[in-house]
Amino acid sequence: MEEKEMRCPWCGGSLEKGLLRGGTYCFVRDGTESPLLYGYFKTQIEGEGYVAFFNWKKFPPAYACRSCRKIILPY
């Protein structure tokens, strides 16, 4: 089955498919204190004001728009 080309939701341009590689990433909502993260046995932890990824074993798919300089990470 052919994969549909993904388009940037900001500019409509083409997105490059790849992987997010690294150790640990955490999105923390504005106004939320950074959490102490002790979930290294999991690959993802969600809390009231944050989403944390521990992806040293499995790298999640991500999409980059070179025009907007944004990366989209579905989770």
PDB file of N, CA and C in Angstrom:
ATOM      1  N   MET A   1       0.831  -1.176   0.000  1.00  0.00           N
ATOM      2  CA  MET A   1       0.000   0.000   0.000  1.00  0.00           C
ATOM      3  C   MET A   1       0.879   1.244   0.000  1.00  0.00           C
ATOM      4  N   GLU A   2       0.580   2.174  -0.867  1.00  0.00           N
ATOM      5  CA  GLU A   2       1.377   3.394  -0.988  1.00  0.00           C
ATOM      6  C   GLU A   2       1.020   4.372   0.127  1.00  0.00           C
ATOM      7  N   GLU A   3       2.058   4.950   0.736  1.00  0.00           N
ATOM      8  CA  GLU A   3       1.850   5.901   1.821  1.00  0.00           C
ATOM      9  C   GLU A   3       1.529   7.280   1.254  1.00  0.00           C
ATOM     10  N   LYS A   4       0.507   7.927   1.822  1.00  0.00           N
ATOM     11  CA  LYS A   4       0.087   9.251   1.381  1.00  0.00           C
ATOM     12  C   LYS A   4       1.113  10.290   1.825  1.00  0.00           C
ATOM     13  N   GLU A   5       1.426  11.246   0.934  1.00  0.00           N
ATOM     14  CA  GLU A   5       2.369  12.303   1.275  1.00  0.00           C
ATOM     15  C   GLU A   5       1.747  13.202   2.341  1.00  0.00           C
ATOM     16  N   MET A   6       2.505  13.462   3.399  1.00  0.00           N
ATOM     17  CA  MET A   6       2.029  14.329   4.474  1.00  0.00           C
ATOM     18  C   MET A   6       2.348  15.777   4.118  1.00  0.00           C
ATOM     19  N   ARG A   7       1.412  16.682   4.424  1.00  0.00           N
ATOM     20  CA  ARG A   7       1.573  18.106   4.145  1.00  0.00           C
ATOM     21  C   ARG A   7       1.617  18.869   5.468  1.00  0.00           C
ATOM     22  N   CYS A   8       2.400  19.937   5.489  1.00  0.00           N
ATOM     23  CA  CYS A   8       2.538  20.775   6.678  1.00  0.00           C
ATOM     24  C   CYS A   8       1.218  21.486   6.974  1.00  0.00           C
ATOM     25  N   PRO A   9       0.719  21.416   8.217  1.00  0.00           N
ATOM     26  CA  PRO A   9      -0.529  22.106   8.537  1.00  0.00           C
ATOM     27  C   PRO A   9      -0.377  23.627   8.619  1.00  0.00           C
ATOM     28  N   TRP A  10       0.843  24.139   8.681  1.00  0.00           N
ATOM     29  CA  TRP A  10       1.074  25.582   8.756  1.00  0.00           C
ATOM     30  C   TRP A  10       1.210  26.223   7.374  1.00  0.00           C
ATOM     31  N   CYS A  11       2.036  25.611   6.514  1.00  0.00           N
ATOM     32  CA  CYS A  11       2.292  26.240   5.209  1.00  0.00           C
ATOM     33  C   CYS A  11       1.798  25.414   4.021  1.00  0.00           C
ATOM     34  N   GLY A  12       1.412  24.169   4.247  1.00  0.00           N
ATOM     35  CA  GLY A  12       0.945  23.306   3.167  1.00  0.00           C
ATOM     36  C   GLY A  12       2.057  22.639   2.397  1.00  0.00           C
ATOM     37  N   GLY A  13       3.307  22.900   2.765  1.00  0.00           N
ATOM     38  CA  GLY A  13       4.453  22.301   2.084  1.00  0.00           C
ATOM     39  C   GLY A  13       4.622  20.827   2.418  1.00  0.00           C
ATOM     40  N   SER A  14       5.550  20.209   1.737  1.00  0.00           N
ATOM     41  CA  SER A  14       5.835  18.794   1.925  1.00  0.00           C
ATOM     42  C   SER A  14       6.569  18.560   3.244  1.00  0.00           C
ATOM     43  N   LEU A  15       6.238  17.452   3.917  1.00  0.00           N
ATOM     44  CA  LEU A  15       6.923  17.069   5.147  1.00  0.00           C
ATOM     45  C   LEU A  15       7.879  15.916   4.870  1.00  0.00           C
ATOM     46  N   GLU A  16       9.038  15.961   5.506  1.00  0.00           N
ATOM     47  CA  GLU A  16       9.997  14.857   5.421  1.00  0.00           C
ATOM     48  C   GLU A  16       9.729  13.901   6.569  1.00  0.00           C
ATOM     49  N   LYS A  17       9.588  12.622   6.264  1.00  0.00           N
ATOM     50  CA  LYS A  17       9.380  11.617   7.297  1.00  0.00           C
ATOM     51  C   LYS A  17      10.726  11.145   7.830  1.00  0.00           C
ATOM     52  N   GLY A  18      10.801  10.986   9.132  1.00  0.00           N
ATOM     53  CA  GLY A  18      12.029  10.488   9.754  1.00  0.00           C
ATOM     54  C   GLY A  18      11.721   9.944  11.137  1.00  0.00           C
ATOM     55  N   LEU A  19      12.726   9.914  11.991  1.00  0.00           N
ATOM     56  CA  LEU A  19      12.593   9.431  13.363  1.00  0.00           C
ATOM     57  C   LEU A  19      13.121  10.479  14.320  1.00  0.00           C
ATOM     58  N   LEU A  20      12.503  10.577  15.496  1.00  0.00           N
ATOM     59  CA  LEU A  20      13.046  11.417  16.549  1.00  0.00           C
ATOM     60  C   LEU A  20      14.016  10.556  17.340  1.00  0.00           C
ATOM     61  N   ARG A  21      15.274  10.922  17.308  1.00  0.00           N
ATOM     62  CA  ARG A  21      16.296  10.124  17.986  1.00  0.00           C
ATOM     63  C   ARG A  21      16.876  10.936  19.120  1.00  0.00           C
ATOM     64  N   GLY A  22      17.156  10.276  20.200  1.00  0.00           N
ATOM     65  CA  GLY A  22      17.737  10.953  21.348  1.00  0.00           C
ATOM     66  C   GLY A  22      17.446  10.178  22.610  1.00  0.00           C
ATOM     67  N   GLY A  23      17.771  10.778  23.739  1.00  0.00           N
ATOM     68  CA  GLY A  23      17.592  10.110  25.015  1.00  0.00           C
ATOM     69  C   GLY A  23      16.230  10.351  25.619  1.00  0.00           C
ATOM     70  N   THR A  24      15.976  11.555  26.074  1.00  0.00           N
ATOM     71  CA  THR A  24      14.734  11.877  26.759  1.00  0.00           C
ATOM     72  C   THR A  24      14.254  13.247  26.308  1.00  0.00           C
ATOM     73  N   TYR A  25      12.963  13.352  26.038  1.00  0.00           N
ATOM     74  CA  TYR A  25      12.349  14.623  25.675  1.00  0.00           C
ATOM     75  C   TYR A  25      11.102  14.808  26.517  1.00  0.00           C
ATOM     76  N   CYS A  26      10.844  16.038  26.917  1.00  0.00           N
ATOM     77  CA  CYS A  26       9.664  16.311  27.720  1.00  0.00           C
ATOM     78  C   CYS A  26       9.052  17.633  27.287  1.00  0.00           C
ATOM     79  N   PHE A  27       7.774  17.594  26.880  1.00  0.00           N
ATOM     80  CA  PHE A  27       7.011  18.802  26.597  1.00  0.00           C
ATOM     81  C   PHE A  27       6.363  19.223  27.914  1.00  0.00           C
ATOM     82  N   VAL A  28       6.611  20.477  28.316  1.00  0.00           N
ATOM     83  CA  VAL A  28       6.025  21.005  29.549  1.00  0.00           C
ATOM     84  C   VAL A  28       5.200  22.234  29.184  1.00  0.00           C
ATOM     85  N   ARG A  29       3.913  22.200  29.490  1.00  0.00           N
ATOM     86  CA  ARG A  29       3.007  23.296  29.175  1.00  0.00           C
ATOM     87  C   ARG A  29       3.415  24.564  29.925  1.00  0.00           C
ATOM     88  N   ASP A  30       3.258  25.729  29.273  1.00  0.00           N
ATOM     89  CA  ASP A  30       3.529  27.011  29.933  1.00  0.00           C
ATOM     90  C   ASP A  30       2.797  27.079  31.259  1.00  0.00           C
ATOM     91  N   GLY A  31       3.475  27.569  32.281  1.00  0.00           N
ATOM     92  CA  GLY A  31       2.879  27.708  33.596  1.00  0.00           C
ATOM     93  C   GLY A  31       2.925  26.454  34.441  1.00  0.00           C
ATOM     94  N   THR A  32       3.485  25.378  33.893  1.00  0.00           N
ATOM     95  CA  THR A  32       3.598  24.125  34.632  1.00  0.00           C
ATOM     96  C   THR A  32       5.035  23.952  35.089  1.00  0.00           C
ATOM     97  N   GLU A  33       5.210  23.551  36.326  1.00  0.00           N
ATOM     98  CA  GLU A  33       6.554  23.291  36.839  1.00  0.00           C
ATOM     99  C   GLU A  33       7.088  22.010  36.212  1.00  0.00           C
ATOM    100  N   SER A  34       8.364  22.003  35.868  1.00  0.00           N
ATOM    101  CA  SER A  34       8.960  20.804  35.270  1.00  0.00           C
ATOM    102  C   SER A  34       8.866  19.642  36.246  1.00  0.00           C
ATOM    103  N   PRO A  35       8.357  18.509  35.778  1.00  0.00           N
ATOM    104  CA  PRO A  35       8.197  17.357  36.666  1.00  0.00           C
ATOM    105  C   PRO A  35       9.515  16.637  36.903  1.00  0.00           C
ATOM    106  N   LEU A  36       9.595  15.949  38.028  1.00  0.00           N
ATOM    107  CA  LEU A  36      10.691  15.010  38.255  1.00  0.00           C
ATOM    108  C   LEU A  36      10.255  13.708  37.609  1.00  0.00           C
ATOM    109  N   LEU A  37      11.031  13.223  36.672  1.00  0.00           N
ATOM    110  CA  LEU A  37      10.618  12.062  35.891  1.00  0.00           C
ATOM    111  C   LEU A  37      11.370  10.819  36.337  1.00  0.00           C
ATOM    112  N   TYR A  38      10.624   9.843  36.824  1.00  0.00           N
ATOM    113  CA  TYR A  38      11.209   8.587  37.281  1.00  0.00           C
ATOM    114  C   TYR A  38      10.593   7.406  36.546  1.00  0.00           C
ATOM    115  N   GLY A  39      10.347   7.546  35.263  1.00  0.00           N
ATOM    116  CA  GLY A  39       9.669   6.486  34.524  1.00  0.00           C
ATOM    117  C   GLY A  39      10.511   5.856  33.459  1.00  0.00           C
ATOM    118  N   TYR A  40      11.782   5.693  33.696  1.00  0.00           N
ATOM    119  CA  TYR A  40      12.675   5.220  32.642  1.00  0.00           C
ATOM    120  C   TYR A  40      12.358   3.811  32.153  1.00  0.00           C
ATOM    121  N   PHE A  41      11.498   3.099  32.843  1.00  0.00           N
ATOM    122  CA  PHE A  41      11.107   1.774  32.396  1.00  0.00           C
ATOM    123  C   PHE A  41       9.973   1.849  31.372  1.00  0.00           C
ATOM    124  N   LYS A  42       9.378   3.046  31.180  1.00  0.00           N
ATOM    125  CA  LYS A  42       8.309   3.244  30.203  1.00  0.00           C
ATOM    126  C   LYS A  42       8.863   4.004  29.002  1.00  0.00           C
ATOM    127  N   THR A  43       8.100   4.050  27.916  1.00  0.00           N
ATOM    128  CA  THR A  43       8.523   4.836  26.759  1.00  0.00           C
ATOM    129  C   THR A  43       7.803   6.174  26.692  1.00  0.00           C
ATOM    130  N   GLN A  44       6.695   6.326  27.453  1.00  0.00           N
ATOM    131  CA  GLN A  44       5.954   7.584  27.459  1.00  0.00           C
ATOM    132  C   GLN A  44       5.228   7.739  28.787  1.00  0.00           C
ATOM    133  N   ILE A  45       5.237   8.953  29.318  1.00  0.00           N
ATOM    134  CA  ILE A  45       4.498   9.275  30.536  1.00  0.00           C
ATOM    135  C   ILE A  45       3.769  10.585  30.289  1.00  0.00           C
ATOM    136  N   GLU A  46       2.467  10.619  30.618  1.00  0.00           N
ATOM    137  CA  GLU A  46       1.687  11.849  30.489  1.00  0.00           C
ATOM    138  C   GLU A  46       1.190  12.270  31.864  1.00  0.00           C
ATOM    139  N   GLY A  47       1.280  13.559  32.138  1.00  0.00           N
ATOM    140  CA  GLY A  47       0.762  14.112  33.374  1.00  0.00           C
ATOM    141  C   GLY A  47      -0.117  15.309  33.061  1.00  0.00           C
ATOM    142  N   GLU A  48      -0.592  15.985  34.092  1.00  0.00           N
ATOM    143  CA  GLU A  48      -1.489  17.124  33.925  1.00  0.00           C
ATOM    144  C   GLU A  48      -0.915  18.184  32.985  1.00  0.00           C
ATOM    145  N   GLY A  49       0.354  18.521  33.123  1.00  0.00           N
ATOM    146  CA  GLY A  49       0.931  19.595  32.316  1.00  0.00           C
ATOM    147  C   GLY A  49       2.127  19.182  31.490  1.00  0.00           C
ATOM    148  N   TYR A  50       2.312  17.887  31.247  1.00  0.00           N
ATOM    149  CA  TYR A  50       3.497  17.463  30.497  1.00  0.00           C
ATOM    150  C   TYR A  50       3.273  16.146  29.768  1.00  0.00           C
ATOM    151  N   VAL A  51       4.128  15.910  28.773  1.00  0.00           N
ATOM    152  CA  VAL A  51       4.223  14.630  28.080  1.00  0.00           C
ATOM    153  C   VAL A  51       5.709  14.341  27.951  1.00  0.00           C
ATOM    154  N   ALA A  52       6.161  13.204  28.454  1.00  0.00           N
ATOM    155  CA  ALA A  52       7.577  12.849  28.420  1.00  0.00           C
ATOM    156  C   ALA A  52       7.783  11.597  27.570  1.00  0.00           C
ATOM    157  N   PHE A  53       8.865  11.599  26.814  1.00  0.00           N
ATOM    158  CA  PHE A  53       9.221  10.466  25.964  1.00  0.00           C
ATOM    159  C   PHE A  53      10.595   9.956  26.371  1.00  0.00           C
ATOM    160  N   PHE A  54      10.687   8.663  26.595  1.00  0.00           N
ATOM    161  CA  PHE A  54      11.958   8.001  26.880  1.00  0.00           C
ATOM    162  C   PHE A  54      12.175   7.036  25.723  1.00  0.00           C
ATOM    163  N   ASN A  55      12.924   7.452  24.735  1.00  0.00           N
ATOM    164  CA  ASN A  55      12.935   6.690  23.482  1.00  0.00           C
ATOM    165  C   ASN A  55      14.301   6.163  23.102  1.00  0.00           C
ATOM    166  N   TRP A  56      15.074   5.709  24.053  1.00  0.00           N
ATOM    167  CA  TRP A  56      16.370   5.165  23.700  1.00  0.00           C
ATOM    168  C   TRP A  56      16.249   3.795  23.052  1.00  0.00           C
ATOM    169  N   LYS A  57      15.109   3.101  23.219  1.00  0.00           N
ATOM    170  CA  LYS A  57      14.932   1.784  22.622  1.00  0.00           C
ATOM    171  C   LYS A  57      14.139   1.840  21.323  1.00  0.00           C
ATOM    172  N   LYS A  58      13.120   2.686  21.294  1.00  0.00           N
ATOM    173  CA  LYS A  58      12.242   2.762  20.130  1.00  0.00           C
ATOM    174  C   LYS A  58      12.113   4.229  19.733  1.00  0.00           C
ATOM    175  N   PHE A  59      12.550   4.567  18.535  1.00  0.00           N
ATOM    176  CA  PHE A  59      12.533   5.945  18.088  1.00  0.00           C
ATOM    177  C   PHE A  59      11.214   6.226  17.377  1.00  0.00           C
ATOM    178  N   PRO A  60      10.407   7.182  17.873  1.00  0.00           N
ATOM    179  CA  PRO A  60       9.101   7.441  17.268  1.00  0.00           C
ATOM    180  C   PRO A  60       9.221   8.153  15.929  1.00  0.00           C
ATOM    181  N   PRO A  61       8.258   7.922  15.023  1.00  0.00           N
ATOM    182  CA  PRO A  61       8.267   8.629  13.755  1.00  0.00           C
ATOM    183  C   PRO A  61       8.008  10.112  13.975  1.00  0.00           C
ATOM    184  N   ALA A  62       8.601  10.944  13.137  1.00  0.00           N
ATOM    185  CA  ALA A  62       8.424  12.391  13.213  1.00  0.00           C
ATOM    186  C   ALA A  62       8.468  12.940  11.790  1.00  0.00           C
ATOM    187  N   TYR A  63       7.937  14.153  11.618  1.00  0.00           N
ATOM    188  CA  TYR A  63       7.866  14.786  10.306  1.00  0.00           C
ATOM    189  C   TYR A  63       8.415  16.201  10.413  1.00  0.00           C
ATOM    190  N   ALA A  64       9.283  16.579   9.490  1.00  0.00           N
ATOM    191  CA  ALA A  64       9.918  17.895   9.527  1.00  0.00           C
ATOM    192  C   ALA A  64       9.488  18.728   8.326  1.00  0.00           C
ATOM    193  N   CYS A  65       9.181  20.002   8.590  1.00  0.00           N
ATOM    194  CA  CYS A  65       8.916  20.973   7.531  1.00  0.00           C
ATOM    195  C   CYS A  65      10.113  21.915   7.497  1.00  0.00           C
ATOM    196  N   ARG A  66      10.870  21.873   6.425  1.00  0.00           N
ATOM    197  CA  ARG A  66      12.054  22.727   6.305  1.00  0.00           C
ATOM    198  C   ARG A  66      11.672  24.194   6.143  1.00  0.00           C
ATOM    199  N   SER A  67      10.517  24.478   5.527  1.00  0.00           N
ATOM    200  CA  SER A  67      10.089  25.863   5.325  1.00  0.00           C
ATOM    201  C   SER A  67       9.720  26.534   6.644  1.00  0.00           C
ATOM    202  N   CYS A  68       8.929  25.845   7.461  1.00  0.00           N
ATOM    203  CA  CYS A  68       8.461  26.409   8.741  1.00  0.00           C
ATOM    204  C   CYS A  68       9.444  26.172   9.886  1.00  0.00           C
ATOM    205  N   ARG A  69      10.386  25.262   9.669  1.00  0.00           N
ATOM    206  CA  ARG A  69      11.321  24.865  10.714  1.00  0.00           C
ATOM    207  C   ARG A  69      10.574  24.319  11.928  1.00  0.00           C
ATOM    208  N   LYS A  70       9.624  23.411  11.639  1.00  0.00           N
ATOM    209  CA  LYS A  70       8.836  22.757  12.700  1.00  0.00           C
ATOM    210  C   LYS A  70       8.963  21.253  12.535  1.00  0.00           C
ATOM    211  N   ILE A  71       8.871  20.558  13.665  1.00  0.00           N
ATOM    212  CA  ILE A  71       8.843  19.095  13.668  1.00  0.00           C
ATOM    213  C   ILE A  71       7.538  18.650  14.304  1.00  0.00           C
ATOM    214  N   ILE A  72       6.853  17.730  13.655  1.00  0.00           N
ATOM    215  CA  ILE A  72       5.601  17.185  14.160  1.00  0.00           C
ATOM    216  C   ILE A  72       5.891  15.793  14.685  1.00  0.00           C
ATOM    217  N   LEU A  73       5.464  15.554  15.911  1.00  0.00           N
ATOM    218  CA  LEU A  73       5.693  14.263  16.569  1.00  0.00           C
ATOM    219  C   LEU A  73       4.356  13.683  17.022  1.00  0.00           C
ATOM    220  N   PRO A  74       3.759  12.782  16.240  1.00  0.00           N
ATOM    221  CA  PRO A  74       2.531  12.136  16.697  1.00  0.00           C
ATOM    222  C   PRO A  74       2.850  11.207  17.875  1.00  0.00           C
ATOM    223  N   TYR A  75       1.983  11.183  18.875  1.00  0.00           N
ATOM    224  CA  TYR A  75       2.188  10.259  20.000  1.00  0.00           C
ATOM    225  C   TYR A  75       0.895   9.632  20.418  1.00  0.00           C
TER     226      TYR A  75
END
